[in-house]
């Protein structure tokens, strides 16, 4: 894994993007702390599948717990959406 500053990314984006495309993970730092990462598309897709799986499991658990049905419009109103 490579770590670069955000200033370096501005100058080397094409190179770093190519490295990520070929499987390398690149951590971009701002003020010495991790800010974001350049990762292969396969990694991002895998993370999305994991998140989707967790969401489905959370929905199953919520349904199993039961409780009253709350219409979506009521939820949006309560959240100010």
N, C-alpha and C. Protein backbone atom coordinates (compact mmCIF):
# COMPACT_ATOMS: atom_id res chain seq x y z
N UNK A 1 0.86 -1.17 0.00
CA UNK A 1 0.00 0.00 0.00
C UNK A 1 0.90 1.23 0.00
N UNK A 2 0.51 2.19 -0.80
CA UNK A 2 1.26 3.43 -0.94
C UNK A 2 0.52 4.55 -0.24
N UNK A 3 1.26 5.45 0.38
CA UNK A 3 0.67 6.63 1.00
C UNK A 3 1.27 7.86 0.37
N UNK A 4 0.41 8.79 -0.05
CA UNK A 4 0.88 10.03 -0.68
C UNK A 4 0.09 11.20 -0.10
N UNK A 5 0.66 12.39 -0.22
CA UNK A 5 -0.05 13.59 0.22
C UNK A 5 -1.02 14.02 -0.87
N UNK A 6 -2.00 14.80 -0.47
CA UNK A 6 -2.98 15.27 -1.43
C UNK A 6 -2.32 16.15 -2.49
N UNK A 7 -1.24 16.86 -2.11
CA UNK A 7 -0.52 17.67 -3.09
C UNK A 7 0.13 16.79 -4.16
N UNK A 8 0.64 15.62 -3.76
CA UNK A 8 1.23 14.70 -4.73
C UNK A 8 0.17 14.18 -5.70
N UNK A 9 -1.03 13.94 -5.19
CA UNK A 9 -2.09 13.40 -6.04
C UNK A 9 -2.39 14.37 -7.18
N UNK A 10 -2.38 15.65 -6.88
CA UNK A 10 -2.65 16.64 -7.92
C UNK A 10 -1.66 16.52 -9.08
N UNK A 11 -0.44 16.17 -8.75
CA UNK A 11 0.60 16.06 -9.77
C UNK A 11 0.69 14.67 -10.40
N UNK A 12 0.20 13.63 -9.69
CA UNK A 12 0.44 12.26 -10.13
C UNK A 12 -0.84 11.44 -10.27
N UNK A 13 -1.98 12.09 -10.48
CA UNK A 13 -3.25 11.36 -10.47
C UNK A 13 -3.29 10.24 -11.50
N UNK A 14 -2.84 10.51 -12.70
CA UNK A 14 -2.89 9.47 -13.74
C UNK A 14 -2.06 8.26 -13.33
N UNK A 15 -0.85 8.50 -12.85
CA UNK A 15 0.02 7.40 -12.42
C UNK A 15 -0.60 6.63 -11.26
N UNK A 16 -1.09 7.35 -10.25
CA UNK A 16 -1.67 6.69 -9.08
C UNK A 16 -2.95 5.95 -9.45
N UNK A 17 -3.73 6.51 -10.34
CA UNK A 17 -4.94 5.84 -10.81
C UNK A 17 -4.60 4.54 -11.53
N UNK A 18 -3.57 4.58 -12.33
CA UNK A 18 -3.13 3.37 -13.04
C UNK A 18 -2.66 2.32 -12.05
N UNK A 19 -1.94 2.75 -11.03
CA UNK A 19 -1.47 1.79 -10.01
C UNK A 19 -2.66 1.15 -9.29
N UNK A 20 -3.67 1.96 -8.97
CA UNK A 20 -4.86 1.40 -8.33
C UNK A 20 -5.57 0.43 -9.27
N UNK A 21 -5.63 0.80 -10.54
CA UNK A 21 -6.25 -0.07 -11.55
C UNK A 21 -5.57 -1.44 -11.60
N UNK A 22 -4.29 -1.46 -11.34
CA UNK A 22 -3.51 -2.71 -11.38
C UNK A 22 -3.46 -3.41 -10.02
N UNK A 23 -4.28 -2.96 -9.07
CA UNK A 23 -4.41 -3.69 -7.82
C UNK A 23 -3.80 -3.04 -6.59
N UNK A 24 -3.11 -1.94 -6.75
CA UNK A 24 -2.49 -1.30 -5.59
C UNK A 24 -3.48 -0.37 -4.90
N UNK A 25 -3.40 -0.32 -3.60
CA UNK A 25 -4.23 0.61 -2.82
C UNK A 25 -3.38 1.82 -2.47
N UNK A 26 -3.94 3.00 -2.67
CA UNK A 26 -3.20 4.24 -2.44
C UNK A 26 -3.98 5.07 -1.41
N UNK A 27 -3.34 5.33 -0.29
CA UNK A 27 -3.94 6.17 0.75
C UNK A 27 -3.49 7.61 0.51
N UNK A 28 -4.44 8.52 0.48
CA UNK A 28 -4.14 9.93 0.28
C UNK A 28 -4.32 10.63 1.63
N UNK A 29 -3.26 11.34 2.03
CA UNK A 29 -3.29 12.03 3.31
C UNK A 29 -3.43 13.53 3.12
N UNK A 30 -4.11 14.15 4.08
CA UNK A 30 -4.16 15.60 4.15
C UNK A 30 -3.80 15.96 5.58
N UNK A 31 -2.83 16.84 5.72
CA UNK A 31 -2.34 17.25 7.04
C UNK A 31 -1.91 16.04 7.87
N UNK A 32 -1.30 15.06 7.20
CA UNK A 32 -0.74 13.90 7.88
C UNK A 32 -1.71 12.82 8.29
N UNK A 33 -2.97 12.96 7.91
CA UNK A 33 -3.97 11.94 8.26
C UNK A 33 -4.65 11.41 7.01
N UNK A 34 -5.07 10.15 7.05
CA UNK A 34 -5.78 9.56 5.93
C UNK A 34 -7.01 10.38 5.58
N UNK A 35 -7.16 10.70 4.29
CA UNK A 35 -8.25 11.54 3.82
C UNK A 35 -9.18 10.74 2.90
N UNK A 36 -8.61 10.01 1.96
CA UNK A 36 -9.36 9.09 1.11
C UNK A 36 -8.39 8.09 0.50
N UNK A 37 -8.95 7.12 -0.22
CA UNK A 37 -8.12 6.08 -0.83
C UNK A 37 -8.49 5.89 -2.28
N UNK A 38 -7.49 5.57 -3.06
CA UNK A 38 -7.70 5.11 -4.44
C UNK A 38 -7.55 3.60 -4.39
N UNK A 39 -8.58 2.90 -4.80
CA UNK A 39 -8.56 1.44 -4.73
C UNK A 39 -9.01 0.86 -6.06
N UNK A 40 -8.64 -0.38 -6.33
CA UNK A 40 -9.13 -1.02 -7.54
C UNK A 40 -10.66 -1.09 -7.52
N UNK A 41 -11.26 -1.04 -8.69
CA UNK A 41 -12.72 -1.11 -8.80
C UNK A 41 -13.23 -2.38 -8.13
N UNK A 42 -12.52 -3.46 -8.27
CA UNK A 42 -12.95 -4.72 -7.66
C UNK A 42 -13.09 -4.58 -6.14
N UNK A 43 -12.18 -3.85 -5.51
CA UNK A 43 -12.26 -3.62 -4.07
C UNK A 43 -13.52 -2.83 -3.72
N UNK A 44 -13.79 -1.77 -4.47
CA UNK A 44 -14.98 -0.95 -4.22
C UNK A 44 -16.25 -1.77 -4.42
N UNK A 45 -16.29 -2.58 -5.46
CA UNK A 45 -17.47 -3.42 -5.71
C UNK A 45 -17.66 -4.44 -4.59
N UNK A 46 -16.55 -5.01 -4.11
CA UNK A 46 -16.61 -5.97 -3.01
C UNK A 46 -17.14 -5.30 -1.74
N UNK A 47 -16.65 -4.11 -1.44
CA UNK A 47 -17.13 -3.39 -0.26
C UNK A 47 -18.62 -3.09 -0.38
N UNK A 48 -19.07 -2.74 -1.59
CA UNK A 48 -20.49 -2.46 -1.78
C UNK A 48 -21.33 -3.71 -1.55
N UNK A 49 -20.85 -4.86 -2.05
CA UNK A 49 -21.59 -6.11 -1.83
C UNK A 49 -21.67 -6.43 -0.33
N UNK A 50 -20.57 -6.20 0.41
CA UNK A 50 -20.59 -6.43 1.85
C UNK A 50 -21.60 -5.52 2.55
N UNK A 51 -21.60 -4.24 2.16
CA UNK A 51 -22.55 -3.30 2.75
C UNK A 51 -23.99 -3.70 2.43
N UNK A 52 -24.23 -4.12 1.19
CA UNK A 52 -25.57 -4.56 0.80
C UNK A 52 -26.00 -5.77 1.64
N UNK A 53 -25.09 -6.70 1.84
CA UNK A 53 -25.39 -7.89 2.63
C UNK A 53 -25.72 -7.51 4.08
N UNK A 54 -24.97 -6.57 4.64
CA UNK A 54 -25.25 -6.10 6.00
C UNK A 54 -26.61 -5.42 6.07
N UNK A 55 -26.95 -4.64 5.05
CA UNK A 55 -28.25 -3.97 5.01
C UNK A 55 -29.39 -4.98 4.99
N UNK A 56 -29.25 -6.01 4.17
CA UNK A 56 -30.29 -7.03 4.07
C UNK A 56 -30.44 -7.74 5.42
N UNK A 57 -29.33 -8.04 6.06
CA UNK A 57 -29.39 -8.70 7.37
C UNK A 57 -30.06 -7.80 8.40
N UNK A 58 -29.76 -6.51 8.38
CA UNK A 58 -30.38 -5.57 9.32
C UNK A 58 -31.89 -5.50 9.09
N UNK A 59 -32.31 -5.54 7.82
CA UNK A 59 -33.74 -5.53 7.51
C UNK A 59 -34.40 -6.79 8.03
N UNK A 60 -33.75 -7.94 7.83
CA UNK A 60 -34.32 -9.20 8.33
C UNK A 60 -34.48 -9.17 9.85
N UNK A 61 -33.46 -8.65 10.54
CA UNK A 61 -33.53 -8.58 11.99
C UNK A 61 -34.64 -7.65 12.44
N UNK A 62 -34.77 -6.51 11.78
CA UNK A 62 -35.82 -5.55 12.14
C UNK A 62 -37.20 -6.16 11.94
N UNK A 63 -37.37 -6.90 10.84
CA UNK A 63 -38.66 -7.55 10.58
C UNK A 63 -38.94 -8.62 11.63
N UNK A 64 -37.90 -9.36 12.04
CA UNK A 64 -38.08 -10.42 13.02
C UNK A 64 -38.46 -9.86 14.39
N UNK A 65 -38.01 -8.65 14.69
CA UNK A 65 -38.34 -8.02 15.97
C UNK A 65 -39.80 -7.60 16.04
N UNK A 66 -40.39 -7.44 14.88
CA UNK A 66 -41.79 -7.05 14.85
C UNK A 66 -41.94 -5.55 15.10
N UNK A 67 -43.05 -5.18 15.66
CA UNK A 67 -43.32 -3.77 15.91
C UNK A 67 -44.33 -3.25 14.91
N UNK A 68 -44.82 -2.07 15.17
CA UNK A 68 -45.88 -1.52 14.31
C UNK A 68 -45.34 -1.08 12.95
N UNK A 69 -46.20 -1.14 11.95
CA UNK A 69 -45.86 -0.63 10.62
C UNK A 69 -45.93 0.89 10.67
N UNK A 70 -44.91 1.55 10.14
CA UNK A 70 -44.88 3.01 10.09
C UNK A 70 -44.77 3.42 8.63
N UNK A 71 -45.76 4.13 8.10
CA UNK A 71 -45.70 4.55 6.69
C UNK A 71 -44.48 5.44 6.42
N UNK A 72 -43.92 5.30 5.24
CA UNK A 72 -42.74 6.05 4.82
C UNK A 72 -42.97 7.56 4.95
N UNK A 73 -44.15 8.02 4.62
CA UNK A 73 -44.45 9.46 4.71
C UNK A 73 -44.32 9.93 6.15
N UNK A 74 -44.73 9.11 7.11
CA UNK A 74 -44.60 9.48 8.52
C UNK A 74 -43.13 9.55 8.95
N UNK A 75 -42.33 8.62 8.46
CA UNK A 75 -40.90 8.61 8.76
C UNK A 75 -40.26 9.87 8.23
N UNK A 76 -40.54 10.22 6.96
CA UNK A 76 -39.96 11.42 6.36
C UNK A 76 -40.36 12.67 7.13
N UNK A 77 -41.61 12.74 7.54
CA UNK A 77 -42.09 13.90 8.28
C UNK A 77 -41.34 14.02 9.61
N UNK A 78 -41.20 12.90 10.30
CA UNK A 78 -40.51 12.89 11.60
C UNK A 78 -39.05 13.30 11.46
N UNK A 79 -38.42 12.92 10.36
CA UNK A 79 -37.01 13.26 10.14
C UNK A 79 -36.82 14.61 9.46
N UNK A 80 -37.93 15.25 9.10
CA UNK A 80 -37.83 16.56 8.45
C UNK A 80 -37.38 16.48 7.02
N UNK A 81 -37.71 15.41 6.35
CA UNK A 81 -37.30 15.23 4.95
C UNK A 81 -38.39 15.65 3.98
